[in-house]
Amino acid sequence: MRVTRGTARKTKHKKILKLTKGFKGGRSKIFKAAMQGMMHALKRAFKDRRLKKRDFRGLWIQRIGAAVTPFGLSYSRFINSLTKSNIGLNRKMLAELAVQDKAAFEGIVTIAKAAV
């Protein structure tokens, strides 16, 4: 007699199909395709968790650059003057200030301009 694994196989298949719910076509219904789709999705998720950090840093840099342009500064000169004036704010906080609290950001820009 061959071993069919009974309920263990059924449990494994149900677990995989539950993870692939919402995938297109056979990837959500057929076990073999669902398994491949799940493996691909997990690989992508792992990679994209790392790329997310890169993407957000780029977004913060763009926001800071757009916020300092009216003051007659470029992004690189602004960051250089912040370093010279010993202001240790990171790009995330600077971008947040540029969007949320324009008065505080303007104060930082004037301090940075004085350092140059």
C-alpha atoms as a PDB file:
ATOM      1  CA  MET A   1       0.000   0.000   0.000  1.00  0.00           C
ATOM      2  CA  ARG A   2       1.193   3.476  -0.758  1.00  0.00           C
ATOM      3  CA  VAL A   3       1.208   6.229   1.835  1.00  0.00           C
ATOM      4  CA  THR A   4      -0.969   9.218   0.910  1.00  0.00           C
ATOM      5  CA  ARG A   5      -0.229  11.228   4.072  1.00  0.00           C
ATOM      6  CA  GLY A   6      -3.958  11.787   4.613  1.00  0.00           C
ATOM      7  CA  THR A   7      -4.791  14.797   6.761  1.00  0.00           C
ATOM      8  CA  ALA A   8      -1.180  16.048   6.890  1.00  0.00           C
ATOM      9  CA  ARG A   9      -1.210  16.740   3.142  1.00  0.00           C
ATOM     10  CA  LYS A  10      -4.659  18.318   3.320  1.00  0.00           C
ATOM     11  CA  THR A  11      -3.478  20.621   6.139  1.00  0.00           C
ATOM     12  CA  LYS A  12      -0.343  21.620   4.222  1.00  0.00           C
ATOM     13  CA  HIS A  13      -2.312  22.360   1.049  1.00  0.00           C
ATOM     14  CA  LYS A  14      -4.916  24.397   2.924  1.00  0.00           C
ATOM     15  CA  LYS A  15      -2.169  26.466   4.562  1.00  0.00           C
ATOM     16  CA  ILE A  16      -0.530  27.287   1.209  1.00  0.00           C
ATOM     17  CA  LEU A  17      -3.855  28.044  -0.496  1.00  0.00           C
ATOM     18  CA  LYS A  18      -4.823  30.342   2.373  1.00  0.00           C
ATOM     19  CA  LEU A  19      -1.574  32.298   1.894  1.00  0.00           C
ATOM     20  CA  THR A  20      -2.201  32.648  -1.847  1.00  0.00           C
ATOM     21  CA  LYS A  21      -5.793  33.838  -1.520  1.00  0.00           C
ATOM     22  CA  GLY A  22      -6.268  36.807  -3.840  1.00  0.00           C
ATOM     23  CA  PHE A  23      -3.626  35.736  -6.357  1.00  0.00           C
ATOM     24  CA  LYS A  24      -4.737  35.640 -10.007  1.00  0.00           C
ATOM     25  CA  GLY A  25      -5.939  32.503 -11.784  1.00  0.00           C
ATOM     26  CA  GLY A  26      -4.593  29.109 -10.850  1.00  0.00           C
ATOM     27  CA  ARG A  27      -2.090  30.608  -8.450  1.00  0.00           C
ATOM     28  CA  SER A  28      -4.871  30.840  -5.884  1.00  0.00           C
ATOM     29  CA  LYS A  29      -6.585  27.497  -6.599  1.00  0.00           C
ATOM     30  CA  ILE A  30      -4.102  24.894  -7.868  1.00  0.00           C
ATOM     31  CA  PHE A  31      -1.644  23.731  -5.215  1.00  0.00           C
ATOM     32  CA  LYS A  32       1.444  23.431  -7.421  1.00  0.00           C
ATOM     33  CA  ALA A  33       0.938  26.865  -9.005  1.00  0.00           C
ATOM     34  CA  ALA A  34       0.036  28.326  -5.607  1.00  0.00           C
ATOM     35  CA  MET A  35       3.255  26.974  -4.116  1.00  0.00           C
ATOM     36  CA  GLN A  36       5.319  28.601  -6.882  1.00  0.00           C
ATOM     37  CA  GLY A  37       3.400  31.866  -6.537  1.00  0.00           C
ATOM     38  CA  MET A  38       3.889  31.898  -2.782  1.00  0.00           C
ATOM     39  CA  MET A  39       7.626  31.254  -3.062  1.00  0.00           C
ATOM     40  CA  HIS A  40       7.955  34.082  -5.601  1.00  0.00           C
ATOM     41  CA  ALA A  41       5.902  36.440  -3.430  1.00  0.00           C
ATOM     42  CA  LEU A  42       7.945  35.677  -0.317  1.00  0.00           C
ATOM     43  CA  LYS A  43      11.188  36.221  -2.233  1.00  0.00           C
ATOM     44  CA  ARG A  44       9.907  39.562  -3.514  1.00  0.00           C
ATOM     45  CA  ALA A  45       8.714  40.601  -0.044  1.00  0.00           C
ATOM     46  CA  PHE A  46      12.151  39.877   1.445  1.00  0.00           C
ATOM     47  CA  LYS A  47      13.912  41.904  -1.263  1.00  0.00           C
ATOM     48  CA  ASP A  48      11.443  44.783  -1.174  1.00  0.00           C
ATOM     49  CA  ARG A  49      11.712  45.218   2.596  1.00  0.00           C
ATOM     50  CA  ARG A  50      15.313  46.205   1.928  1.00  0.00           C
ATOM     51  CA  LEU A  51      14.538  48.346  -1.133  1.00  0.00           C
ATOM     52  CA  LYS A  52      11.892  50.227   0.844  1.00  0.00           C
ATOM     53  CA  LYS A  53      14.595  51.904   2.926  1.00  0.00           C
ATOM     54  CA  ARG A  54      16.354  53.094  -0.250  1.00  0.00           C
ATOM     55  CA  ASP A  55      13.101  54.400  -1.732  1.00  0.00           C
ATOM     56  CA  PHE A  56      12.160  56.369   1.365  1.00  0.00           C
ATOM     57  CA  ARG A  57      15.601  57.956   1.634  1.00  0.00           C
ATOM     58  CA  GLY A  58      15.237  59.154  -1.964  1.00  0.00           C
ATOM     59  CA  LEU A  59      11.811  60.584  -1.181  1.00  0.00           C
ATOM     60  CA  TRP A  60      13.150  62.477   1.857  1.00  0.00           C
ATOM     61  CA  ILE A  61      16.001  63.903  -0.212  1.00  0.00           C
ATOM     62  CA  GLN A  62      13.570  65.115  -2.896  1.00  0.00           C
ATOM     63  CA  ARG A  63      11.339  66.760  -0.290  1.00  0.00           C
ATOM     64  CA  ILE A  64      14.254  68.531   1.400  1.00  0.00           C
ATOM     65  CA  GLY A  65      15.616  69.672  -1.967  1.00  0.00           C
ATOM     66  CA  ALA A  66      12.230  71.102  -2.954  1.00  0.00           C
ATOM     67  CA  ALA A  67      11.877  72.829   0.415  1.00  0.00           C
ATOM     68  CA  VAL A  68      15.300  74.570   0.335  1.00  0.00           C
ATOM     69  CA  THR A  69      15.071  75.776  -3.280  1.00  0.00           C
ATOM     70  CA  PRO A  70      13.017  78.902  -2.381  1.00  0.00           C
ATOM     71  CA  PHE A  71      15.794  79.899   0.043  1.00  0.00           C
ATOM     72  CA  GLY A  72      18.356  79.895  -2.770  1.00  0.00           C
ATOM     73  CA  LEU A  73      20.099  76.697  -1.676  1.00  0.00           C
ATOM     74  CA  SER A  74      20.620  73.356  -3.327  1.00  0.00           C
ATOM     75  CA  TYR A  75      20.175  70.118  -1.385  1.00  0.00           C
ATOM     76  CA  SER A  76      23.893  69.325  -1.277  1.00  0.00           C
ATOM     77  CA  ARG A  77      24.884  72.806  -0.070  1.00  0.00           C
ATOM     78  CA  PHE A  78      22.152  72.693   2.559  1.00  0.00           C
ATOM     79  CA  ILE A  79      23.332  69.323   3.919  1.00  0.00           C
ATOM     80  CA  ASN A  80      26.945  70.538   3.878  1.00  0.00           C
ATOM     81  CA  SER A  81      26.034  73.674   5.832  1.00  0.00           C
ATOM     82  CA  LEU A  82      24.039  71.581   8.338  1.00  0.00           C
ATOM     83  CA  THR A  83      27.111  69.458   8.936  1.00  0.00           C
ATOM     84  CA  LYS A  84      29.281  72.548   9.425  1.00  0.00           C
ATOM     85  CA  SER A  85      26.795  74.052  11.886  1.00  0.00           C
ATOM     86  CA  ASN A  86      26.634  70.756  13.875  1.00  0.00           C
ATOM     87  CA  ILE A  87      22.900  70.219  13.350  1.00  0.00           C
ATOM     88  CA  GLY A  88      22.416  66.471  13.675  1.00  0.00           C
ATOM     89  CA  LEU A  89      18.928  66.059  12.229  1.00  0.00           C
ATOM     90  CA  ASN A  90      18.494  63.117   9.898  1.00  0.00           C
ATOM     91  CA  ARG A  91      16.862  63.346   6.488  1.00  0.00           C
ATOM     92  CA  LYS A  92      13.607  61.795   7.661  1.00  0.00           C
ATOM     93  CA  MET A  93      13.107  64.463  10.332  1.00  0.00           C
ATOM     94  CA  LEU A  94      14.170  67.276   7.998  1.00  0.00           C
ATOM     95  CA  ALA A  95      11.663  66.124   5.373  1.00  0.00           C
ATOM     96  CA  GLU A  96       8.942  65.857   8.020  1.00  0.00           C
ATOM     97  CA  LEU A  97       9.665  69.384   9.224  1.00  0.00           C
ATOM     98  CA  ALA A  98       9.670  70.681   5.654  1.00  0.00           C
ATOM     99  CA  VAL A  99       6.180  69.275   5.093  1.00  0.00           C
ATOM    100  CA  GLN A 100       4.547  69.719   8.521  1.00  0.00           C
ATOM    101  CA  ASP A 101       6.240  72.681  10.258  1.00  0.00           C
ATOM    102  CA  LYS A 102       7.499  75.206   7.713  1.00  0.00           C
ATOM    103  CA  ALA A 103       8.420  77.816  10.361  1.00  0.00           C
ATOM    104  CA  ALA A 104      10.743  75.422  12.185  1.00  0.00           C
ATOM    105  CA  PHE A 105      12.298  74.330   8.893  1.00  0.00           C
ATOM    106  CA  GLU A 106      12.861  77.970   7.931  1.00  0.00           C
ATOM    107  CA  GLY A 107      14.685  78.484  11.240  1.00  0.00           C
ATOM    108  CA  ILE A 108      16.964  75.538  10.487  1.00  0.00           C
ATOM    109  CA  VAL A 109      17.670  76.921   7.009  1.00  0.00           C
ATOM    110  CA  THR A 110      18.631  80.335   8.402  1.00  0.00           C
ATOM    111  CA  ILE A 111      20.995  78.712  10.920  1.00  0.00           C
ATOM    112  CA  ALA A 112      22.508  76.610   8.137  1.00  0.00           C
ATOM    113  CA  LYS A 113      22.896  79.646   5.877  1.00  0.00           C
ATOM    114  CA  ALA A 114      24.743  81.496   8.654  1.00  0.00           C
ATOM    115  CA  ALA A 115      27.247  78.635   8.925  1.00  0.00           C
ATOM    116  CA  VAL A 116      28.303  78.998   5.276  1.00  0.00           C
END
